[in-house]
């Protein structure tokens, strides 16, 4: 629920800034004319929007057995490790078997987010896996950043533990 409130707070602040900019453009049009108000509006929009978000999605893969050699079989499994109304944090693990009937070994793991991230940012820091028979015990450490208008105002540590079954 707090995620929804935080997203609404971000939207309200953004709309307030747009309304203030609208009032400023209107005042410039009255004092200096329409042509200058259009130029002023474009400058204000350029400042507000910036050059865009140049960040790419950071997958942060953790490699356990990068050079697996000869494999019998490889597969992938994933699970939702936190779910809320706005988004879900997921864990994905690719694994392999060296021979038929052997225990599975994790090859790589990564954590990613699905959904709407408005004012929050998930950054995984560490993924630990321990294989036992036909399941994986996992521990994912990371941080959740809370931001208002693009500026992080609070960052909290999160740890998720659980069992991830193999397919």
N, C-alpha and C. Protein backbone atom coordinates (compact mmCIF):
# COMPACT_ATOMS: atom_id res chain seq x y z
N UNK A 1 0.81 -1.19 0.00
CA UNK A 1 0.00 0.00 0.00
C UNK A 1 0.86 1.26 0.00
N UNK A 2 1.96 1.20 0.71
CA UNK A 2 2.84 2.37 0.76
C UNK A 2 3.44 2.66 -0.61
N UNK A 3 3.62 1.62 -1.45
CA UNK A 3 4.14 1.83 -2.79
C UNK A 3 3.15 2.65 -3.63
N UNK A 4 1.87 2.38 -3.48
CA UNK A 4 0.85 3.13 -4.21
C UNK A 4 0.83 4.58 -3.74
N UNK A 5 0.88 4.78 -2.42
CA UNK A 5 0.92 6.14 -1.88
C UNK A 5 2.14 6.90 -2.40
N UNK A 6 3.29 6.23 -2.44
CA UNK A 6 4.52 6.89 -2.90
C UNK A 6 4.41 7.27 -4.38
N UNK A 7 3.82 6.40 -5.18
CA UNK A 7 3.63 6.71 -6.60
C UNK A 7 2.67 7.88 -6.77
N UNK A 8 1.58 7.92 -6.00
CA UNK A 8 0.64 9.03 -6.08
C UNK A 8 1.28 10.34 -5.63
N UNK A 9 2.13 10.28 -4.61
CA UNK A 9 2.84 11.48 -4.16
C UNK A 9 3.76 12.01 -5.25
N UNK A 10 4.48 11.12 -5.93
CA UNK A 10 5.35 11.53 -7.04
C UNK A 10 4.54 12.16 -8.17
N UNK A 11 3.40 11.56 -8.50
CA UNK A 11 2.58 12.12 -9.58
C UNK A 11 2.01 13.49 -9.18
N UNK A 12 1.58 13.64 -7.93
CA UNK A 12 1.04 14.91 -7.48
C UNK A 12 2.10 16.01 -7.54
N UNK A 13 3.32 15.69 -7.12
CA UNK A 13 4.40 16.68 -7.19
C UNK A 13 4.71 17.06 -8.63
N UNK A 14 4.75 16.08 -9.52
CA UNK A 14 5.04 16.36 -10.93
C UNK A 14 3.94 17.22 -11.55
N UNK A 15 2.67 16.92 -11.25
CA UNK A 15 1.57 17.72 -11.79
C UNK A 15 1.58 19.14 -11.22
N UNK A 16 1.95 19.27 -9.96
CA UNK A 16 2.05 20.61 -9.35
C UNK A 16 3.11 21.45 -10.05
N UNK A 17 4.24 20.85 -10.34
CA UNK A 17 5.30 21.57 -11.04
C UNK A 17 4.85 21.96 -12.45
N UNK A 18 4.15 21.05 -13.14
CA UNK A 18 3.64 21.38 -14.47
C UNK A 18 2.63 22.52 -14.41
N UNK A 19 1.79 22.55 -13.40
CA UNK A 19 0.82 23.62 -13.26
C UNK A 19 1.51 24.96 -13.00
N UNK A 20 2.51 24.95 -12.15
CA UNK A 20 3.27 26.18 -11.88
C UNK A 20 3.95 26.66 -13.17
N UNK A 21 4.50 25.75 -13.94
CA UNK A 21 5.13 26.12 -15.22
C UNK A 21 4.09 26.70 -16.18
N UNK A 22 2.89 26.13 -16.19
CA UNK A 22 1.82 26.66 -17.03
C UNK A 22 1.50 28.10 -16.64
N UNK A 23 1.40 28.37 -15.34
CA UNK A 23 1.13 29.74 -14.89
C UNK A 23 2.25 30.69 -15.28
N UNK A 24 3.49 30.22 -15.18
CA UNK A 24 4.63 31.06 -15.59
C UNK A 24 4.61 31.38 -17.08
N UNK A 25 4.31 30.38 -17.90
CA UNK A 25 4.24 30.58 -19.34
C UNK A 25 3.12 31.56 -19.68
N UNK A 26 2.02 31.45 -18.97
CA UNK A 26 0.90 32.37 -19.19
C UNK A 26 1.30 33.81 -18.86
N UNK A 27 2.05 34.00 -17.76
CA UNK A 27 2.51 35.33 -17.39
C UNK A 27 3.50 35.89 -18.41
N UNK A 28 4.38 35.04 -18.93
CA UNK A 28 5.34 35.48 -19.94
C UNK A 28 4.59 35.89 -21.21
N UNK A 29 3.53 35.17 -21.57
CA UNK A 29 2.75 35.50 -22.76
C UNK A 29 2.07 36.86 -22.61
N UNK A 30 1.57 37.15 -21.41
CA UNK A 30 0.90 38.42 -21.18
C UNK A 30 1.90 39.57 -21.25
N UNK A 31 3.07 39.39 -20.64
CA UNK A 31 4.05 40.48 -20.57
C UNK A 31 4.87 40.66 -21.84
N UNK A 32 5.32 39.55 -22.45
CA UNK A 32 6.31 39.66 -23.53
C UNK A 32 5.82 39.15 -24.88
N UNK A 33 4.65 38.55 -24.94
CA UNK A 33 4.12 38.09 -26.22
C UNK A 33 4.17 36.57 -26.36
N UNK A 34 3.41 36.09 -27.35
CA UNK A 34 3.27 34.65 -27.55
C UNK A 34 4.55 33.97 -28.02
N UNK A 35 5.28 34.60 -28.90
CA UNK A 35 6.49 33.97 -29.45
C UNK A 35 7.49 33.67 -28.33
N UNK A 36 7.70 34.64 -27.45
CA UNK A 36 8.64 34.43 -26.35
C UNK A 36 8.09 33.41 -25.35
N UNK A 37 6.76 33.38 -25.18
CA UNK A 37 6.19 32.40 -24.24
C UNK A 37 6.36 30.97 -24.77
N UNK A 38 6.29 30.80 -26.10
CA UNK A 38 6.53 29.46 -26.68
C UNK A 38 7.98 29.05 -26.47
N UNK A 39 8.90 29.97 -26.69
CA UNK A 39 10.32 29.66 -26.45
C UNK A 39 10.54 29.35 -24.98
N UNK A 40 9.93 30.13 -24.09
CA UNK A 40 10.06 29.90 -22.65
C UNK A 40 9.50 28.53 -22.27
N UNK A 41 8.34 28.16 -22.83
CA UNK A 41 7.73 26.86 -22.54
C UNK A 41 8.64 25.72 -22.99
N UNK A 42 9.25 25.86 -24.17
CA UNK A 42 10.16 24.81 -24.65
C UNK A 42 11.39 24.69 -23.76
N UNK A 43 11.92 25.81 -23.30
CA UNK A 43 13.08 25.78 -22.40
C UNK A 43 12.71 25.12 -21.07
N UNK A 44 11.54 25.47 -20.53
CA UNK A 44 11.11 24.88 -19.26
C UNK A 44 10.90 23.38 -19.42
N UNK A 45 10.24 22.96 -20.50
CA UNK A 45 10.04 21.52 -20.73
C UNK A 45 11.37 20.79 -20.90
N UNK A 46 12.33 21.41 -21.56
CA UNK A 46 13.64 20.79 -21.74
C UNK A 46 14.35 20.62 -20.39
N UNK A 47 14.22 21.62 -19.52
CA UNK A 47 14.84 21.52 -18.20
C UNK A 47 14.16 20.45 -17.36
N UNK A 48 12.82 20.41 -17.40
CA UNK A 48 12.09 19.43 -16.60
C UNK A 48 12.36 18.01 -17.10
N UNK A 49 12.28 17.82 -18.40
CA UNK A 49 12.44 16.47 -18.96
C UNK A 49 13.90 16.05 -19.05
N UNK A 50 14.80 16.98 -19.16
CA UNK A 50 16.21 16.64 -19.28
C UNK A 50 16.49 15.94 -20.59
N UNK A 51 17.56 15.22 -20.63
CA UNK A 51 17.94 14.49 -21.84
C UNK A 51 17.36 13.09 -21.84
N UNK A 52 16.52 12.77 -20.91
CA UNK A 52 15.96 11.43 -20.84
C UNK A 52 16.78 10.57 -19.91
N UNK A 53 16.22 9.44 -19.58
CA UNK A 53 16.89 8.52 -18.69
C UNK A 53 17.83 7.64 -19.51
N UNK A 54 19.12 7.87 -19.36
CA UNK A 54 20.09 7.12 -20.15
C UNK A 54 20.52 5.83 -19.48
N UNK A 55 19.92 5.52 -18.30
CA UNK A 55 20.28 4.29 -17.62
C UNK A 55 19.71 3.09 -18.37
N UNK A 56 20.51 2.08 -18.50
CA UNK A 56 20.03 0.85 -19.08
C UNK A 56 19.66 -0.10 -17.95
N UNK A 57 18.92 -1.13 -18.29
CA UNK A 57 18.54 -2.10 -17.26
C UNK A 57 19.79 -2.82 -16.80
N UNK A 58 19.99 -2.85 -15.50
CA UNK A 58 21.17 -3.48 -14.92
C UNK A 58 20.77 -4.87 -14.42
N UNK A 59 21.21 -5.89 -15.12
CA UNK A 59 20.79 -7.24 -14.77
C UNK A 59 21.64 -7.86 -13.68
N UNK A 60 22.85 -7.39 -13.45
CA UNK A 60 23.69 -7.89 -12.36
C UNK A 60 23.64 -9.41 -12.24
N UNK A 61 24.25 -10.10 -13.18
CA UNK A 61 24.27 -11.56 -13.14
C UNK A 61 25.37 -12.03 -12.18
N UNK A 62 25.06 -13.04 -11.39
CA UNK A 62 26.05 -13.69 -10.55
C UNK A 62 26.36 -15.05 -11.18
N UNK A 63 27.62 -15.24 -11.52
CA UNK A 63 28.04 -16.48 -12.18
C UNK A 63 28.62 -17.44 -11.14
N UNK A 64 28.16 -18.69 -11.16
CA UNK A 64 28.64 -19.69 -10.22
C UNK A 64 29.55 -20.70 -10.91
N UNK A 65 29.14 -21.21 -12.05
CA UNK A 65 29.94 -22.13 -12.85
C UNK A 65 29.97 -21.60 -14.27
N UNK A 66 30.78 -20.56 -14.56
CA UNK A 66 30.73 -19.94 -15.89
C UNK A 66 31.16 -20.88 -17.01
N UNK A 67 32.19 -21.71 -16.78
CA UNK A 67 32.63 -22.65 -17.81
C UNK A 67 32.17 -24.03 -17.36
N UNK A 68 31.00 -24.42 -17.83
CA UNK A 68 30.38 -25.65 -17.34
C UNK A 68 30.92 -26.91 -17.98
N UNK A 69 31.64 -26.80 -19.06
CA UNK A 69 32.17 -27.99 -19.73
C UNK A 69 31.06 -28.77 -20.41
N UNK A 70 31.20 -30.08 -20.45
CA UNK A 70 30.20 -30.93 -21.08
C UNK A 70 28.99 -31.07 -20.15
N UNK A 71 27.81 -30.80 -20.71
CA UNK A 71 26.60 -30.81 -19.91
C UNK A 71 25.65 -31.90 -20.38
N UNK A 72 24.92 -32.47 -19.42
CA UNK A 72 23.87 -33.41 -19.76
C UNK A 72 22.60 -32.65 -20.13
N UNK A 73 22.24 -31.66 -19.30
CA UNK A 73 21.01 -30.90 -19.51
C UNK A 73 21.14 -29.56 -18.81
N UNK A 74 20.54 -28.51 -19.39
CA UNK A 74 20.48 -27.23 -18.69
C UNK A 74 19.06 -26.69 -18.75
N UNK A 75 18.69 -25.88 -17.75
CA UNK A 75 17.33 -25.38 -17.65
C UNK A 75 17.33 -24.07 -16.87
N UNK A 76 16.15 -23.49 -16.72
CA UNK A 76 15.98 -22.19 -16.06
C UNK A 76 14.74 -22.24 -15.18
N UNK A 77 14.81 -21.62 -14.02
CA UNK A 77 13.65 -21.49 -13.15
C UNK A 77 13.63 -20.10 -12.55
N UNK A 78 12.44 -19.64 -12.22
CA UNK A 78 12.32 -18.31 -11.62
C UNK A 78 11.17 -18.32 -10.62
N UNK A 79 11.20 -17.33 -9.74
CA UNK A 79 10.14 -17.19 -8.74
C UNK A 79 10.01 -15.74 -8.35
N UNK A 80 8.81 -15.38 -7.90
CA UNK A 80 8.57 -14.05 -7.36
C UNK A 80 8.97 -14.07 -5.89
N UNK A 81 9.92 -13.20 -5.51
CA UNK A 81 10.38 -13.19 -4.12
C UNK A 81 9.73 -12.09 -3.30
N UNK A 82 9.14 -11.08 -3.95
CA UNK A 82 8.28 -10.12 -3.27
C UNK A 82 7.24 -9.64 -4.27
N UNK A 83 5.99 -9.61 -3.82
CA UNK A 83 4.90 -9.20 -4.68
C UNK A 83 4.09 -8.13 -3.96
N UNK A 84 3.77 -7.05 -4.64
CA UNK A 84 2.90 -6.02 -4.10
C UNK A 84 2.05 -5.47 -5.24
N UNK A 85 1.10 -4.58 -4.96
CA UNK A 85 0.19 -4.13 -6.03
C UNK A 85 0.87 -3.41 -7.20
N UNK A 86 2.03 -2.81 -7.00
CA UNK A 86 2.67 -2.03 -8.05
C UNK A 86 3.67 -2.84 -8.89
N UNK A 87 4.45 -3.70 -8.25
CA UNK A 87 5.50 -4.42 -8.95
C UNK A 87 5.84 -5.70 -8.19
N UNK A 88 6.65 -6.53 -8.82
CA UNK A 88 7.14 -7.74 -8.16
C UNK A 88 8.64 -7.85 -8.39
N UNK A 89 9.33 -8.33 -7.36
CA UNK A 89 10.77 -8.58 -7.47
C UNK A 89 10.93 -10.08 -7.71
N UNK A 90 11.70 -10.43 -8.74
CA UNK A 90 11.84 -11.82 -9.16
C UNK A 90 13.28 -12.28 -9.04
N UNK A 91 13.45 -13.58 -8.93
CA UNK A 91 14.76 -14.22 -8.95
C UNK A 91 14.76 -15.25 -10.06
N UNK A 92 15.77 -15.20 -10.90
CA UNK A 92 15.91 -16.18 -11.97
C UNK A 92 17.22 -16.94 -11.80
N UNK A 93 17.18 -18.26 -11.97
CA UNK A 93 18.37 -19.10 -11.82
C UNK A 93 18.44 -20.05 -13.01
N UNK A 94 19.57 -20.03 -13.71
CA UNK A 94 19.80 -21.06 -14.74
C UNK A 94 20.73 -22.10 -14.12
N UNK A 95 20.44 -23.35 -14.41
CA UNK A 95 21.19 -24.44 -13.80
C UNK A 95 21.45 -25.53 -14.82
N UNK A 96 22.30 -26.47 -14.44
CA UNK A 96 22.64 -27.55 -15.36
C UNK A 96 22.91 -28.83 -14.57
N UNK A 97 22.91 -29.94 -15.30
CA UNK A 97 23.25 -31.24 -14.74
C UNK A 97 24.49 -31.74 -15.49
N UNK A 98 25.47 -32.21 -14.78
CA UNK A 98 26.67 -32.74 -15.43
C UNK A 98 26.40 -34.11 -16.06
N UNK A 99 25.54 -34.89 -15.41
CA UNK A 99 25.19 -36.22 -15.94
C UNK A 99 23.79 -36.58 -15.47
N UNK A 100 23.21 -37.58 -16.08
CA UNK A 100 21.86 -38.01 -15.73
C UNK A 100 21.82 -38.51 -14.30
N UNK A 101 20.84 -38.03 -13.53
CA UNK A 101 20.69 -38.45 -12.13
C UNK A 101 21.53 -37.64 -11.15
N UNK A 102 22.38 -36.76 -11.64
CA UNK A 102 23.21 -35.95 -10.74
C UNK A 102 22.41 -34.79 -10.18
N UNK A 103 22.90 -34.22 -9.08
CA UNK A 103 22.27 -33.04 -8.51
C UNK A 103 22.48 -31.84 -9.44
N UNK A 104 21.50 -30.96 -9.51
CA UNK A 104 21.65 -29.77 -10.36
C UNK A 104 22.64 -28.78 -9.74
N UNK A 105 23.34 -28.06 -10.61
CA UNK A 105 24.28 -27.04 -10.18
C UNK A 105 23.87 -25.70 -10.78
N UNK A 106 23.83 -24.64 -9.98
CA UNK A 106 23.46 -23.33 -10.53
C UNK A 106 24.56 -22.77 -11.42
N UNK A 107 24.20 -22.27 -12.57
CA UNK A 107 25.17 -21.66 -13.48
C UNK A 107 25.25 -20.15 -13.25
N UNK A 108 24.08 -19.49 -13.24
CA UNK A 108 24.05 -18.05 -12.97
C UNK A 108 22.69 -17.69 -12.38
N UNK A 109 22.65 -16.54 -11.71
CA UNK A 109 21.41 -16.06 -11.09
C UNK A 109 21.33 -14.55 -11.27
N UNK A 110 20.11 -14.05 -11.31
CA UNK A 110 19.91 -12.61 -11.39
C UNK A 110 18.55 -12.26 -10.80
N UNK A 111 18.42 -11.01 -10.38
CA UNK A 111 17.18 -10.51 -9.82
C UNK A 111 16.68 -9.36 -10.70
N UNK A 112 15.37 -9.33 -10.95
CA UNK A 112 14.81 -8.29 -11.80
C UNK A 112 13.42 -7.91 -11.30
N UNK A 113 12.90 -6.80 -11.83
CA UNK A 113 11.61 -6.26 -11.38
C UNK A 113 10.64 -6.24 -12.55
N UNK A 114 9.39 -6.63 -12.28
CA UNK A 114 8.28 -6.52 -13.24
C UNK A 114 7.25 -5.58 -12.66
N UNK A 115 6.72 -4.69 -13.47
CA UNK A 115 5.65 -3.82 -13.01
C UNK A 115 6.02 -2.36 -13.13
N UNK A 116 5.29 -1.53 -12.40
CA UNK A 116 5.46 -0.09 -12.45
C UNK A 116 6.31 0.38 -11.29
N UNK A 117 7.45 0.96 -11.61
CA UNK A 117 8.32 1.52 -10.59
C UNK A 117 8.18 3.03 -10.62
N UNK A 118 7.41 3.56 -9.72
CA UNK A 118 7.20 5.01 -9.66
C UNK A 118 7.71 5.50 -8.31
N UNK A 119 8.92 6.00 -8.31
CA UNK A 119 9.48 6.52 -7.08
C UNK A 119 10.26 5.51 -6.26
N UNK A 120 10.40 4.28 -6.75
CA UNK A 120 11.21 3.28 -6.06
C UNK A 120 12.17 2.64 -7.07
N UNK A 121 13.28 2.15 -6.56
CA UNK A 121 14.30 1.52 -7.41
C UNK A 121 14.91 0.33 -6.66
N UNK A 122 14.88 -0.85 -7.27
CA UNK A 122 15.44 -2.06 -6.68
C UNK A 122 16.84 -2.29 -7.22
N UNK A 123 17.81 -2.46 -6.31
CA UNK A 123 19.18 -2.75 -6.71
C UNK A 123 19.65 -4.00 -5.96
N UNK A 124 19.81 -5.14 -6.66
CA UNK A 124 20.34 -6.33 -5.98
C UNK A 124 21.84 -6.19 -5.72
N UNK A 125 22.28 -6.65 -4.56
CA UNK A 125 23.70 -6.55 -4.21
C UNK A 125 24.38 -7.91 -4.16
N UNK A 126 23.66 -8.94 -3.72
CA UNK A 126 24.27 -10.25 -3.58
C UNK A 126 23.20 -11.33 -3.68
N UNK A 127 23.53 -12.42 -4.36
CA UNK A 127 22.65 -13.58 -4.43
C UNK A 127 23.44 -14.81 -4.00
N UNK A 128 22.94 -15.50 -2.99
CA UNK A 128 23.56 -16.73 -2.51
C UNK A 128 22.63 -17.90 -2.81
N UNK A 129 23.18 -18.98 -3.34
CA UNK A 129 22.40 -20.18 -3.65
C UNK A 129 23.05 -21.39 -3.01
N UNK A 130 22.23 -22.29 -2.50
CA UNK A 130 22.70 -23.55 -1.94
C UNK A 130 21.77 -24.64 -2.45
N UNK A 131 22.30 -25.57 -3.23
CA UNK A 131 21.46 -26.63 -3.80
C UNK A 131 21.37 -27.80 -2.83
N UNK A 132 20.14 -28.29 -2.67
CA UNK A 132 19.89 -29.48 -1.85
C UNK A 132 18.88 -30.34 -2.60
N UNK A 133 19.36 -31.43 -3.15
CA UNK A 133 18.47 -32.33 -3.88
C UNK A 133 17.83 -31.64 -5.07
N UNK A 134 16.50 -31.56 -5.08
CA UNK A 134 15.78 -30.97 -6.20
C UNK A 134 15.27 -29.56 -5.91
N UNK A 135 15.93 -28.83 -5.02
CA UNK A 135 15.52 -27.46 -4.74
C UNK A 135 16.74 -26.59 -4.44
N UNK A 136 16.53 -25.29 -4.50
CA UNK A 136 17.59 -24.32 -4.24
C UNK A 136 17.17 -23.46 -3.05
N UNK A 137 18.04 -23.35 -2.07
CA UNK A 137 17.84 -22.38 -1.00
C UNK A 137 18.50 -21.09 -1.46
N UNK A 138 17.76 -20.00 -1.45
CA UNK A 138 18.32 -18.74 -1.94
C UNK A 138 18.26 -17.67 -0.86
N UNK A 139 19.17 -16.71 -1.00
CA UNK A 139 19.16 -15.50 -0.20
C UNK A 139 19.57 -14.36 -1.12
N UNK A 140 18.68 -13.38 -1.27
CA UNK A 140 18.93 -12.24 -2.13
C UNK A 140 19.00 -10.99 -1.26
N UNK A 141 20.14 -10.31 -1.30
CA UNK A 141 20.32 -9.05 -0.57
C UNK A 141 20.32 -7.91 -1.58
N UNK A 142 19.68 -6.82 -1.21
CA UNK A 142 19.64 -5.66 -2.08
C UNK A 142 19.15 -4.45 -1.33
N UNK A 143 18.91 -3.39 -2.08
CA UNK A 143 18.40 -2.17 -1.46
C UNK A 143 17.28 -1.59 -2.30
N UNK A 144 16.33 -1.00 -1.61
CA UNK A 144 15.20 -0.34 -2.25
C UNK A 144 15.37 1.15 -2.01
N UNK A 145 15.50 1.91 -3.11
CA UNK A 145 15.65 3.35 -3.01
C UNK A 145 14.31 4.04 -3.23
N UNK A 146 13.97 4.96 -2.34
CA UNK A 146 12.73 5.72 -2.44
C UNK A 146 13.08 7.13 -2.90
N UNK A 147 12.48 7.58 -4.00
CA UNK A 147 12.84 8.89 -4.54
C UNK A 147 11.61 9.74 -4.77
N UNK A 148 11.82 11.04 -4.67
CA UNK A 148 10.81 12.03 -5.01
C UNK A 148 11.36 12.87 -6.15
N UNK A 149 10.64 12.89 -7.26
CA UNK A 149 11.05 13.63 -8.46
C UNK A 149 12.46 13.28 -8.90
N UNK A 150 12.82 12.02 -8.80
CA UNK A 150 14.10 11.55 -9.31
C UNK A 150 15.26 11.62 -8.32
N UNK A 151 15.05 12.17 -7.13
CA UNK A 151 16.11 12.29 -6.13
C UNK A 151 15.84 11.28 -5.01
N UNK A 152 16.81 10.41 -4.75
CA UNK A 152 16.64 9.39 -3.71
C UNK A 152 16.65 10.08 -2.34
N UNK A 153 15.58 9.87 -1.58
CA UNK A 153 15.47 10.47 -0.25
C UNK A 153 15.65 9.45 0.86
N UNK A 154 15.50 8.17 0.53
CA UNK A 154 15.65 7.12 1.55
C UNK A 154 16.04 5.83 0.85
N UNK A 155 16.92 5.08 1.46
CA UNK A 155 17.34 3.78 0.92
C UNK A 155 17.30 2.77 2.06
N UNK A 156 16.61 1.64 1.81
CA UNK A 156 16.50 0.61 2.83
C UNK A 156 17.07 -0.71 2.32
N UNK A 157 17.67 -1.46 3.23
CA UNK A 157 18.21 -2.78 2.88
C UNK A 157 17.09 -3.81 2.94
N UNK A 158 17.11 -4.73 1.99
CA UNK A 158 16.12 -5.81 1.95
C UNK A 158 16.84 -7.13 1.77
N UNK A 159 16.35 -8.15 2.45
CA UNK A 159 16.86 -9.51 2.31
C UNK A 159 15.68 -10.45 2.13
N UNK A 160 15.76 -11.29 1.11
CA UNK A 160 14.72 -12.27 0.84
C UNK A 160 15.35 -13.66 0.92
N UNK A 161 14.70 -14.56 1.63
CA UNK A 161 15.17 -15.95 1.75
C UNK A 161 14.02 -16.86 1.39
N UNK A 162 14.36 -18.01 0.82
CA UNK A 162 13.32 -18.96 0.48
C UNK A 162 13.86 -20.16 -0.26
N UNK A 163 12.92 -20.95 -0.78
CA UNK A 163 13.23 -22.17 -1.52
C UNK A 163 12.71 -22.03 -2.93
N UNK A 164 13.56 -22.34 -3.88
CA UNK A 164 13.21 -22.27 -5.30
C UNK A 164 13.29 -23.68 -5.87
N UNK A 165 12.14 -24.29 -6.22
CA UNK A 165 12.19 -25.66 -6.74
C UNK A 165 12.70 -25.70 -8.18
N UNK A 166 13.39 -26.77 -8.53
CA UNK A 166 13.80 -26.99 -9.91
C UNK A 166 12.62 -27.52 -10.69
N UNK A 167 12.62 -27.27 -12.00
CA UNK A 167 11.54 -27.78 -12.85
C UNK A 167 11.76 -29.25 -13.13
